[in-house]
Amino acid sequence: MRTIDLLAFVAFPYLCLAVFAVGHSYRYLTDRYAWNSHGSELIEKKTLFFGSYLFHFGILGTLAGHATGLLIPQTVFDMVGIDTAAHTALAHHGGRVVGFAAFFGVMILLARRLFIKRIRLMTTATDFAVLFGLAFVTGVGTYDVFFGGFHVLDTIAPWIRGILTLQPDPSLMADVPLQYKLHILAAFALLAFSPFTRLVHIWSVPLFYLQTAGGGLRRGGRVRGSGFRKKKFGVQRFTVQELEYGSGFSDSTVQRQKLFFRFLTVNQERCSNPEP
């Protein structure tokens, strides 16, 4: 067994998973008030709507397909009447739909960040790195499901189960084509990078909506069941006064939110008083 195989398919996955777990925990404990997607829907909504919904539909379907197809052994599918051929066909046809949706959606989001000037000005290098990373992972994965034709149930699937059960067997990846290896390694790298980006919002499920009566939102006033406030531009987490004094928030969070409000104010003044 080559050293490169041990590093790539044993050491690297565990390193990425460790950074993912520790990084997200540390980020939550030290900067929980910046635990969101820092969305730009106040600047531009139409392109964001189509790109975001396509991407989230595709990526959630992809994650569900990977979890059921790779983590559940084929013997379980055989017990319910789904043989290997049917399992593979289902994975290919379903994967093409959700994979294309995820890739096309992230390309819309990337184009929005690149070609809409106001959005580009508020986009950081980290944001671009995340989008290019997602485009690469979803693009290579979609290419594999359309043109790869490699049988993963006897190779990649038992390998990933071995990683999770602490019984890794890198020899299972020896005959896997290069594009599949690139897809897997890039996905693990993206997991390790996620705690330092806006991808932390994957944990921010608005469960308080389920506890609100009558839909939870009403015009004006407060949002029932939460500490959010209903403002002119939608539901906001903080007031301008709270940001000004920075009570209870980390310095980095206060600075980001102040810059964002200043950006909105300047653009509103430019729209109200256009140059001749």
Foldseek 3Di string as FASTA:
>chain_A
DDPVLCCLQPVLLVVLVVLLVVLLVVCCVAAVVLLALPDDVLPPPDLCPQLVVLQVQLVVLVVVLCCVLQQDAQVVVVVVPQHLVNSLVVSLVSNLRSLVSNLVSLVSVLCCCVPVVLNVVLDDPLNNVLSVLSNLLSVLSNCCSVPVPDRCNQAVSVQVNCNVVVNHDSVSCPPPDPSVSVNVSSVSVSSSSCSVHNVSNVPVDPCQQVVAPPRQDDPAAQGPSDPWGQDPSGTDDDDPVCLVVVPPGDPVVSVSVVVVVVSVVVVVVCVVPPDD
